[in-house]
C-alpha atoms as a PDB file:
ATOM      1  CA  MET A   1     113.126  12.125  -5.359  1.00  0.00           C
ATOM      2  CA  GLU A   2     116.557  10.904  -6.578  1.00  0.00           C
ATOM      3  CA  ILE A   3     118.499  12.383  -9.539  1.00  0.00           C
ATOM      4  CA  GLU A   4     120.930  10.151 -11.329  1.00  0.00           C
ATOM      5  CA  ILE A   5     124.133  11.900 -12.631  1.00  0.00           C
ATOM      6  CA  SER A   6     126.415  10.133 -15.102  1.00  0.00           C
ATOM      7  CA  LEU A   7     130.063  11.259 -14.727  1.00  0.00           C
ATOM      8  CA  GLN A   8     131.076   9.267 -17.835  1.00  0.00           C
ATOM      9  CA  LYS A   9     129.584  11.957 -20.145  1.00  0.00           C
ATOM     10  CA  GLY A  10     131.505  14.823 -18.565  1.00  0.00           C
ATOM     11  CA  ALA A  11     130.785  17.404 -15.960  1.00  0.00           C
ATOM     12  CA  ARG A  12     129.106  19.938 -18.293  1.00  0.00           C
ATOM     13  CA  HIS A  13     126.691  17.375 -19.548  1.00  0.00           C
ATOM     14  CA  ALA A  14     126.043  16.216 -16.061  1.00  0.00           C
ATOM     15  CA  LEU A  15     125.325  19.812 -14.914  1.00  0.00           C
ATOM     16  CA  SER A  16     123.022  20.375 -17.830  1.00  0.00           C
ATOM     17  CA  GLY A  17     121.076  17.252 -16.985  1.00  0.00           C
ATOM     18  CA  LEU A  18     120.921  18.389 -13.300  1.00  0.00           C
ATOM     19  CA  TYR A  19     119.546  21.825 -14.268  1.00  0.00           C
ATOM     20  CA  ALA A  20     116.936  20.151 -16.513  1.00  0.00           C
ATOM     21  CA  SER A  21     115.846  17.968 -13.688  1.00  0.00           C
ATOM     22  CA  LEU A  22     115.702  20.985 -11.346  1.00  0.00           C
ATOM     23  CA  ARG A  23     113.505  22.831 -13.799  1.00  0.00           C
ATOM     24  CA  LYS A  24     111.196  19.858 -13.995  1.00  0.00           C
ATOM     25  CA  LEU A  25     111.045  19.740 -10.207  1.00  0.00           C
ATOM     26  CA  LYS A  26     110.184  23.468 -10.074  1.00  0.00           C
ATOM     27  CA  GLN A  27     107.483  23.028 -12.705  1.00  0.00           C
ATOM     28  CA  LYS A  28     106.061  20.107 -10.777  1.00  0.00           C
ATOM     29  CA  ARG A  29     106.223  22.048  -7.540  1.00  0.00           C
ATOM     30  CA  LYS A  30     104.453  24.975  -9.174  1.00  0.00           C
ATOM     31  CA  GLY A  31     101.803  22.681 -10.433  1.00  0.00           C
ATOM     32  CA  ILE A  32     101.391  21.086  -6.999  1.00  0.00           C
ATOM     33  CA  VAL A  33     101.113  24.510  -5.357  1.00  0.00           C
ATOM     34  CA  GLU A  34      98.536  25.691  -7.869  1.00  0.00           C
ATOM     35  CA  ALA A  35      96.508  22.504  -7.475  1.00  0.00           C
ATOM     36  CA  MET A  36      96.598  22.897  -3.717  1.00  0.00           C
ATOM     37  CA  GLN A  37      95.470  26.509  -3.997  1.00  0.00           C
ATOM     38  CA  LYS A  38      92.680  25.461  -6.266  1.00  0.00           C
ATOM     39  CA  THR A  39      91.655  22.719  -3.859  1.00  0.00           C
ATOM     40  CA  ARG A  40      91.594  25.196  -0.991  1.00  0.00           C
ATOM     41  CA  GLU A  41      89.440  27.620  -2.931  1.00  0.00           C
ATOM     42  CA  GLU A  42      86.953  24.842  -3.857  1.00  0.00           C
ATOM     43  CA  ILE A  43      86.838  23.660  -0.248  1.00  0.00           C
ATOM     44  CA  SER A  44      86.160  27.250   0.864  1.00  0.00           C
ATOM     45  CA  LYS A  45      83.399  27.665  -1.704  1.00  0.00           C
ATOM     46  CA  GLU A  46      81.803  24.406  -0.614  1.00  0.00           C
ATOM     47  CA  ARG A  47      81.893  25.444   3.043  1.00  0.00           C
ATOM     48  CA  GLU A  48      80.221  28.813   2.241  1.00  0.00           C
ATOM     49  CA  LYS A  49      77.618  26.986   0.172  1.00  0.00           C
ATOM     50  CA  SER A  50      77.054  24.479   3.031  1.00  0.00           C
ATOM     51  CA  LYS A  51      76.606  27.389   5.540  1.00  0.00           C
ATOM     52  CA  LYS A  52      74.104  29.108   3.271  1.00  0.00           C
ATOM     53  CA  ILE A  53      72.102  25.931   2.823  1.00  0.00           C
ATOM     54  CA  LYS A  54      72.150  25.217   6.546  1.00  0.00           C
ATOM     55  CA  LYS A  55      71.164  28.807   7.338  1.00  0.00           C
ATOM     56  CA  ALA A  56      68.324  28.729   4.866  1.00  0.00           C
ATOM     57  CA  GLY A  57      67.055  25.476   6.300  1.00  0.00           C
ATOM     58  CA  LEU A  58      67.109  26.781   9.827  1.00  0.00           C
ATOM     59  CA  GLU A  59      65.308  30.053   8.820  1.00  0.00           C
ATOM     60  CA  ASP A  60      62.667  27.938   6.955  1.00  0.00           C
ATOM     61  CA  THR A  61      62.246  25.735  10.031  1.00  0.00           C
ATOM     62  CA  ASN A  62      62.002  28.675  12.346  1.00  0.00           C
ATOM     63  CA  SER A  63      59.541  30.360  10.026  1.00  0.00           C
ATOM     64  CA  GLN A  64      57.186  27.339  10.140  1.00  0.00           C
ATOM     65  CA  MET A  65      57.634  26.919  13.884  1.00  0.00           C
ATOM     66  CA  GLY A  66      57.462  30.576  14.767  1.00  0.00           C
ATOM     67  CA  GLY A  67      61.220  30.635  15.694  1.00  0.00           C
ATOM     68  CA  LYS A  68      63.163  33.553  17.021  1.00  0.00           C
ATOM     69  CA  SER A  69      65.502  34.417  14.148  1.00  0.00           C
ATOM     70  CA  ALA A  70      65.113  37.966  12.698  1.00  0.00           C
ATOM     71  CA  LYS A  71      63.811  36.753   9.329  1.00  0.00           C
ATOM     72  CA  SER A  72      61.330  34.293  10.847  1.00  0.00           C
ATOM     73  CA  LYS A  73      60.022  37.043  13.232  1.00  0.00           C
ATOM     74  CA  LYS A  74      59.602  39.246  10.283  1.00  0.00           C
ATOM     75  CA  GLY A  75      57.464  37.059   8.104  1.00  0.00           C
ATOM     76  CA  ASN A  76      56.199  34.035  10.095  1.00  0.00           C
ATOM     77  CA  TYR A  77      52.747  35.112  11.231  1.00  0.00           C
ATOM     78  CA  PHE A  78      51.642  36.933   8.121  1.00  0.00           C
ATOM     79  CA  ALA A  79      53.201  34.312   5.973  1.00  0.00           C
ATOM     80  CA  ALA A  80      51.189  31.610   7.688  1.00  0.00           C
ATOM     81  CA  LYS A  81      48.097  33.841   7.504  1.00  0.00           C
ATOM     82  CA  GLY A  82      48.439  34.268   3.843  1.00  0.00           C
ATOM     83  CA  ALA A  83      49.049  30.617   3.263  1.00  0.00           C
ATOM     84  CA  LYS A  84      45.722  29.560   4.729  1.00  0.00           C
ATOM     85  CA  ARG A  85      43.668  32.770   4.107  1.00  0.00           C
ATOM     86  CA  LYS A  86      42.107  31.781   0.718  1.00  0.00           C
ATOM     87  CA  GLY A  87      40.076  35.022   0.620  1.00  0.00           C
ATOM     88  CA  LYS A  88      38.422  34.584   4.085  1.00  0.00           C
ATOM     89  CA  SER A  89      38.381  38.300   4.857  1.00  0.00           C
ATOM     90  CA  TRP A  90      34.996  37.594   6.534  1.00  0.00           C
ATOM     91  CA  SER A  91      36.908  36.515   9.635  1.00  0.00           C
ATOM     92  CA  ASN A  92      37.880  40.189  10.361  1.00  0.00           C
ATOM     93  CA  ALA A  93      34.394  40.822  11.839  1.00  0.00           C
ATOM     94  CA  PHE A  94      35.155  38.138  14.518  1.00  0.00           C
ATOM     95  CA  HIS A  95      37.794  37.539  17.177  1.00  0.00           C
ATOM     96  CA  SER A  96      40.113  35.739  14.896  1.00  0.00           C
ATOM     97  CA  PHE A  97      43.793  34.766  14.529  1.00  0.00           C
ATOM     98  CA  TYR A  98      46.054  32.286  12.732  1.00  0.00           C
ATOM     99  CA  THR A  99      47.646  29.533  14.730  1.00  0.00           C
ATOM    100  CA  SER A 100      51.379  28.934  14.621  1.00  0.00           C
ATOM    101  CA  GLY A 101      50.719  26.351  11.990  1.00  0.00           C
ATOM    102  CA  GLY A 102      48.677  28.769   9.833  1.00  0.00           C
ATOM    103  CA  PHE A 103      45.140  27.518  10.676  1.00  0.00           C
ATOM    104  CA  LEU A 104      42.440  30.145  10.911  1.00  0.00           C
ATOM    105  CA  ALA A 105      40.622  30.264  14.246  1.00  0.00           C
ATOM    106  CA  VAL A 106      37.409  32.400  14.504  1.00  0.00           C
ATOM    107  CA  ALA A 107      35.363  33.068  17.579  1.00  0.00           C
ATOM    108  CA  GLY A 108      32.008  34.892  17.760  1.00  0.00           C
ATOM    109  CA  LYS A 109      31.817  38.117  19.704  1.00  0.00           C
ATOM    110  CA  ASN A 110      28.150  37.498  20.624  1.00  0.00           C
ATOM    111  CA  ALA A 111      25.238  35.035  20.279  1.00  0.00           C
ATOM    112  CA  LYS A 112      24.370  36.325  16.822  1.00  0.00           C
ATOM    113  CA  GLN A 113      27.890  35.738  15.575  1.00  0.00           C
ATOM    114  CA  ASN A 114      27.974  32.258  17.196  1.00  0.00           C
ATOM    115  CA  ASP A 115      24.979  31.282  15.135  1.00  0.00           C
ATOM    116  CA  GLU A 116      26.460  32.910  12.007  1.00  0.00           C
ATOM    117  CA  LEU A 117      29.700  30.835  12.354  1.00  0.00           C
ATOM    118  CA  TYR A 118      27.685  27.656  12.732  1.00  0.00           C
ATOM    119  CA  ALA A 119      25.296  28.360   9.882  1.00  0.00           C
ATOM    120  CA  ASN A 120      27.632  29.927   7.295  1.00  0.00           C
ATOM    121  CA  HIS A 121      31.235  28.981   8.020  1.00  0.00           C
ATOM    122  CA  LEU A 122      31.426  25.571   9.777  1.00  0.00           C
ATOM    123  CA  GLU A 123      32.584  22.877   7.306  1.00  0.00           C
ATOM    124  CA  GLU A 124      33.205  19.163   7.371  1.00  0.00           C
ATOM    125  CA  ASN A 125      36.937  19.451   7.954  1.00  0.00           C
ATOM    126  CA  ASP A 126      36.626  22.096  10.709  1.00  0.00           C
ATOM    127  CA  LEU A 127      36.517  21.682  14.469  1.00  0.00           C
ATOM    128  CA  PHE A 128      34.118  23.504  16.812  1.00  0.00           C
ATOM    129  CA  PHE A 129      35.513  24.727  20.191  1.00  0.00           C
ATOM    130  CA  HIS A 130      33.685  25.905  23.225  1.00  0.00           C
ATOM    131  CA  ALA A 131      34.743  26.623  26.846  1.00  0.00           C
ATOM    132  CA  ASP A 132      32.917  24.540  29.459  1.00  0.00           C
ATOM    133  CA  ILE A 133      31.194  27.575  31.036  1.00  0.00           C
ATOM    134  CA  GLN A 134      27.965  29.481  30.566  1.00  0.00           C
ATOM    135  CA  GLY A 135      28.656  32.433  28.312  1.00  0.00           C
ATOM    136  CA  ALA A 136      31.426  31.466  25.927  1.00  0.00           C
ATOM    137  CA  PRO A 137      32.080  32.056  22.192  1.00  0.00           C
ATOM    138  CA  ALA A 138      31.550  29.450  19.505  1.00  0.00           C
ATOM    139  CA  LEU A 139      34.942  29.008  17.900  1.00  0.00           C
ATOM    140  CA  ILE A 140      35.698  27.157  14.635  1.00  0.00           C
ATOM    141  CA  LEU A 141      39.183  26.082  13.610  1.00  0.00           C
ATOM    142  CA  LYS A 142      39.241  25.872   9.889  1.00  0.00           C
ATOM    143  CA  ASP A 143      40.578  22.558   8.627  1.00  0.00           C
ATOM    144  CA  GLY A 144      41.042  21.763  12.323  1.00  0.00           C
ATOM    145  CA  LYS A 145      41.015  17.965  11.599  1.00  0.00           C
ATOM    146  CA  ASP A 146      44.501  18.527  10.013  1.00  0.00           C
ATOM    147  CA  ALA A 147      45.836  20.726  12.773  1.00  0.00           C
ATOM    148  CA  GLY A 148      48.634  19.657  15.126  1.00  0.00           C
ATOM    149  CA  VAL A 149      48.404  19.615  18.924  1.00  0.00           C
ATOM    150  CA  SER A 150      49.877  23.082  19.348  1.00  0.00           C
ATOM    151  CA  ASP A 151      47.385  24.569  16.945  1.00  0.00           C
ATOM    152  CA  LEU A 152      44.503  22.879  18.841  1.00  0.00           C
ATOM    153  CA  ARG A 153      45.757  24.145  22.202  1.00  0.00           C
ATOM    154  CA  GLU A 154      46.124  27.704  20.894  1.00  0.00           C
ATOM    155  CA  ALA A 155      42.455  27.572  19.594  1.00  0.00           C
ATOM    156  CA  ALA A 156      41.433  26.231  23.011  1.00  0.00           C
ATOM    157  CA  GLN A 157      43.229  29.068  24.745  1.00  0.00           C
ATOM    158  CA  TRP A 158      41.551  31.615  22.480  1.00  0.00           C
ATOM    159  CA  ALA A 159      38.062  30.108  23.224  1.00  0.00           C
ATOM    160  CA  ALA A 160      38.833  30.112  26.952  1.00  0.00           C
ATOM    161  CA  SER A 161      40.187  33.648  27.063  1.00  0.00           C
ATOM    162  CA  TYR A 162      37.140  35.185  25.381  1.00  0.00           C
ATOM    163  CA  SER A 163      34.675  33.318  27.574  1.00  0.00           C
ATOM    164  CA  SER A 164      32.908  34.614  30.752  1.00  0.00           C
ATOM    165  CA  ALA A 165      35.669  32.820  32.727  1.00  0.00           C
ATOM    166  CA  TRP A 166      37.772  35.958  32.235  1.00  0.00           C
ATOM    167  CA  LYS A 167      34.977  38.189  33.567  1.00  0.00           C
ATOM    168  CA  VAL A 168      34.749  36.107  36.765  1.00  0.00           C
ATOM    169  CA  GLY A 169      38.563  36.223  37.253  1.00  0.00           C
ATOM    170  CA  ALA A 170      39.129  32.486  36.685  1.00  0.00           C
ATOM    171  CA  ALA A 171      42.730  31.359  36.107  1.00  0.00           C
ATOM    172  CA  SER A 172      41.765  28.468  33.780  1.00  0.00           C
ATOM    173  CA  VAL A 173      38.794  26.605  32.305  1.00  0.00           C
ATOM    174  CA  ASP A 174      38.157  23.369  30.479  1.00  0.00           C
ATOM    175  CA  VAL A 175      37.546  23.551  26.717  1.00  0.00           C
ATOM    176  CA  TYR A 176      36.162  20.930  24.369  1.00  0.00           C
ATOM    177  CA  ALA A 177      36.143  20.375  20.634  1.00  0.00           C
ATOM    178  CA  VAL A 178      33.702  18.520  18.379  1.00  0.00           C
ATOM    179  CA  GLU A 179      33.152  17.903  14.754  1.00  0.00           C
ATOM    180  CA  LYS A 180      30.419  19.463  12.577  1.00  0.00           C
ATOM    181  CA  GLN A 181      28.213  16.392  12.510  1.00  0.00           C
ATOM    182  CA  GLN A 182      28.021  16.428  16.285  1.00  0.00           C
ATOM    183  CA  ILE A 183      26.450  19.883  16.500  1.00  0.00           C
ATOM    184  CA  SER A 184      22.752  20.858  15.897  1.00  0.00           C
ATOM    185  CA  LYS A 185      20.358  23.702  16.517  1.00  0.00           C
ATOM    186  CA  HIS A 186      17.554  21.256  17.146  1.00  0.00           C
ATOM    187  CA  ALA A 187      16.610  19.646  20.439  1.00  0.00           C
ATOM    188  CA  THR A 188      13.740  17.376  21.514  1.00  0.00           C
ATOM    189  CA  GLY A 189      10.713  19.612  21.495  1.00  0.00           C
ATOM    190  CA  GLY A 190      11.999  22.296  19.189  1.00  0.00           C
ATOM    191  CA  HIS A 191      14.742  24.720  18.222  1.00  0.00           C
ATOM    192  CA  VAL A 192      17.284  25.905  20.672  1.00  0.00           C
ATOM    193  CA  GLY A 193      17.808  29.638  21.320  1.00  0.00           C
ATOM    194  CA  ARG A 194      20.180  32.126  19.766  1.00  0.00           C
ATOM    195  CA  GLY A 195      23.891  31.235  20.283  1.00  0.00           C
ATOM    196  CA  ALA A 196      23.061  27.773  21.888  1.00  0.00           C
ATOM    197  CA  PHE A 197      23.772  24.398  20.411  1.00  0.00           C
ATOM    198  CA  VAL A 198      22.905  20.792  20.914  1.00  0.00           C
ATOM    199  CA  LEU A 199      25.968  18.480  21.017  1.00  0.00           C
ATOM    200  CA  ALA A 200      26.078  14.709  20.545  1.00  0.00           C
ATOM    201  CA  GLY A 201      28.858  12.094  20.849  1.00  0.00           C
ATOM    202  CA  GLU A 202      32.254  12.151  22.479  1.00  0.00           C
ATOM    203  CA  ARG A 203      34.073  15.434  22.927  1.00  0.00           C
ATOM    204  CA  LYS A 204      37.797  16.078  22.772  1.00  0.00           C
ATOM    205  CA  TRP A 205      38.749  17.765  25.988  1.00  0.00           C
ATOM    206  CA  PHE A 206      41.462  20.317  26.777  1.00  0.00           C
ATOM    207  CA  LYS A 207      41.700  20.506  30.561  1.00  0.00           C
ATOM    208  CA  ALA A 208      42.582  23.554  32.659  1.00  0.00           C
ATOM    209  CA  ILE A 209      43.503  25.755  29.779  1.00  0.00           C
ATOM    210  CA  PRO A 210      45.025  28.991  31.230  1.00  0.00           C
ATOM    211  CA  LEU A 211      43.253  32.301  30.419  1.00  0.00           C
ATOM    212  CA  CYS A 212      46.103  34.297  28.936  1.00  0.00           C
ATOM    213  CA  LEU A 213      46.738  36.483  25.799  1.00  0.00           C
ATOM    214  CA  LYS A 214      49.624  38.439  24.455  1.00  0.00           C
ATOM    215  CA  ILE A 215      49.334  41.790  22.634  1.00  0.00           C
ATOM    216  CA  GLY A 216      51.947  43.694  20.750  1.00  0.00           C
ATOM    217  CA  LYS A 217      52.972  44.767  17.193  1.00  0.00           C
ATOM    218  CA  LEU A 218      54.314  43.035  14.153  1.00  0.00           C
ATOM    219  CA  HIS A 219      55.349  45.184  11.303  1.00  0.00           C
ATOM    220  CA  ASP A 220      53.497  48.092  12.901  1.00  0.00           C
ATOM    221  CA  ASN A 221      50.343  46.082  12.993  1.00  0.00           C
ATOM    222  CA  LEU A 222      48.589  45.729  16.288  1.00  0.00           C
ATOM    223  CA  LEU A 223      48.068  42.046  17.075  1.00  0.00           C
ATOM    224  CA  ILE A 224      46.586  40.007  19.868  1.00  0.00           C
ATOM    225  CA  LEU A 225      47.283  36.246  20.114  1.00  0.00           C
ATOM    226  CA  PRO A 226      46.948  33.382  22.563  1.00  0.00           C
ATOM    227  CA  GLN A 227      49.778  33.374  24.961  1.00  0.00           C
ATOM    228  CA  MET A 228      50.715  29.885  23.757  1.00  0.00           C
ATOM    229  CA  HIS A 229      51.325  31.134  20.204  1.00  0.00           C
ATOM    230  CA  SER A 230      54.934  30.797  19.063  1.00  0.00           C
ATOM    231  CA  GLN A 231      55.121  34.211  17.382  1.00  0.00           C
ATOM    232  CA  ASN A 232      56.993  36.863  19.326  1.00  0.00           C
ATOM    233  CA  LEU A 233      55.664  40.402  19.132  1.00  0.00           C
ATOM    234  CA  GLN A 234      57.310  43.802  19.399  1.00  0.00           C
ATOM    235  CA  LYS A 235      56.616  45.503  22.670  1.00  0.00           C
ATOM    236  CA  GLN A 236      54.825  42.362  23.826  1.00  0.00           C
ATOM    237  CA  ALA A 237      52.560  42.503  26.908  1.00  0.00           C
ATOM    238  CA  ILE A 238      51.077  39.418  28.613  1.00  0.00           C
ATOM    239  CA  LEU A 239      47.459  39.762  29.647  1.00  0.00           C
ATOM    240  CA  SER A 240      45.582  37.639  32.207  1.00  0.00           C
ATOM    241  CA  PRO A 241      42.564  38.154  34.475  1.00  0.00           C
ATOM    242  CA  GLY A 242      43.369  40.591  37.334  1.00  0.00           C
ATOM    243  CA  GLY A 243      42.136  43.743  39.078  1.00  0.00           C
ATOM    244  CA  GLU A 244      42.530  46.557  36.466  1.00  0.00           C
ATOM    245  CA  GLU A 245      39.445  47.782  34.663  1.00  0.00           C
ATOM    246  CA  LYS A 246      39.285  47.243  30.920  1.00  0.00           C
ATOM    247  CA  GLN A 247      39.359  50.909  29.944  1.00  0.00           C
ATOM    248  CA  GLN A 248      42.332  51.603  32.308  1.00  0.00           C
ATOM    249  CA  ALA A 249      44.106  48.611  30.886  1.00  0.00           C
ATOM    250  CA  ALA A 250      43.492  49.827  27.350  1.00  0.00           C
ATOM    251  CA  LYS A 251      44.950  53.220  28.222  1.00  0.00           C
ATOM    252  CA  LYS A 252      48.083  51.616  29.732  1.00  0.00           C
ATOM    253  CA  LEU A 253      48.562  49.422  26.708  1.00  0.00           C
ATOM    254  CA  SER A 254      47.911  52.388  24.458  1.00  0.00           C
ATOM    255  CA  ALA A 255      50.829  54.281  25.980  1.00  0.00           C
ATOM    256  CA  HIS A 256      53.035  51.228  25.780  1.00  0.00           C
ATOM    257  CA  LEU A 257      52.158  50.253  22.237  1.00  0.00           C
ATOM    258  CA  SER A 258      51.643  53.728  20.771  1.00  0.00           C
ATOM    259  CA  ALA A 259      48.129  52.645  19.563  1.00  0.00           C
ATOM    260  CA  LYS A 260      44.615  54.040  20.164  1.00  0.00           C
ATOM    261  CA  ALA A 261      43.062  52.913  23.389  1.00  0.00           C
ATOM    262  CA  ASP A 262      39.624  52.358  21.828  1.00  0.00           C
ATOM    263  CA  LEU A 263      41.109  50.108  19.170  1.00  0.00           C
ATOM    264  CA  ILE A 264      42.913  48.070  21.903  1.00  0.00           C
ATOM    265  CA  ALA A 265      39.731  47.838  23.942  1.00  0.00           C
ATOM    266  CA  GLN A 266      37.946  46.220  21.022  1.00  0.00           C
ATOM    267  CA  LEU A 267      40.448  43.430  20.958  1.00  0.00           C
ATOM    268  CA  LEU A 268      40.280  42.650  24.684  1.00  0.00           C
ATOM    269  CA  PRO A 269      37.987  40.214  26.444  1.00  0.00           C
ATOM    270  CA  THR A 270      35.335  41.430  28.850  1.00  0.00           C
ATOM    271  CA  GLY A 271      36.558  41.707  32.380  1.00  0.00           C
ATOM    272  CA  LYS A 272      39.519  42.988  34.426  1.00  0.00           C
ATOM    273  CA  PHE A 273      43.216  42.687  33.655  1.00  0.00           C
ATOM    274  CA  ASN A 274      46.651  41.982  34.982  1.00  0.00           C
ATOM    275  CA  ILE A 275      49.268  43.332  32.486  1.00  0.00           C
ATOM    276  CA  GLN A 276      52.849  42.099  32.347  1.00  0.00           C
ATOM    277  CA  LEU A 277      55.002  44.410  30.274  1.00  0.00           C
END
C-alpha cells in the first residue's frame, strides 16, 4: 500500500496525515487478523462436525453389518433382535437366533417341534431350511424371502450344525431351502409321520456348509451363534465336531465362560466336540 505525503502543506500537516494513515492501516490489520481468526475457528468447527458425522456413519454401518467397533459390538446383536422380534418370544422354546441382518431363524429340537414350526409359525414370506441328511431339524427363517445372502448362509449353517451330521462327525453337509407352498404333510396314500414333510418343486441349495458354531457372552448374556455370524462375542469359543464328549465340553466351556454347564449343554448340538478357545 502506498501513502502519498504532500510537502506543500508543511511537515506537521504531513506527519498528521501519515499518523492517520497508519492508524487506518492498524485498524485494517486488526480487522484482517480478527477475520482470519474467526475463519480458523469456523473451519475448526466444521472439521469437528465432519468427524462426528463420519464417525456416526461408520458406527451405524458397523452396527448393521456386525462391525468391530466398541459401540457396534455393544448393541448390534440385540438391536437387530429387537428390530425384528415383534413379540415373537415363542422362539425361545426352540434353537433360535437372529442373523446378522436381524432375521429370526428358528429350528426345532425334535420331531414334535418340527411339526409345530410348520403348522403354527411358517408364513408366506418365510423360508424353510433342512439339512440333506436323515435326522435334521426343520428351520424357518422369518421373512426369509427378504433376507440377504449372508443371512441365508447363517440359517443354513444353523440347520446343518443341529442336524445328525454333527453326531456322526461330518465336517460339512448340504442344506436346502424351499418356500411354504412347496411343503406339505400329505403324500400319496396318506399323511406323513411326525417331523416329516413332503417337498415339491425346485430347492435352493447351499452346498458343503461347514458344521461350526461359536459360543460366548454379550452383555453378560450367554449366546450361541453360527460361526459365520458377524457378531463377535466376549470369551468366544469356536465349536466343531470332534472327539470330546458333550458333557465334558460343557464343563470346559463352563469354566471358560463362567456359566452353568447344564445351561451350556442345552445349547449344544448332539454329538462330540472340538473346542477352539
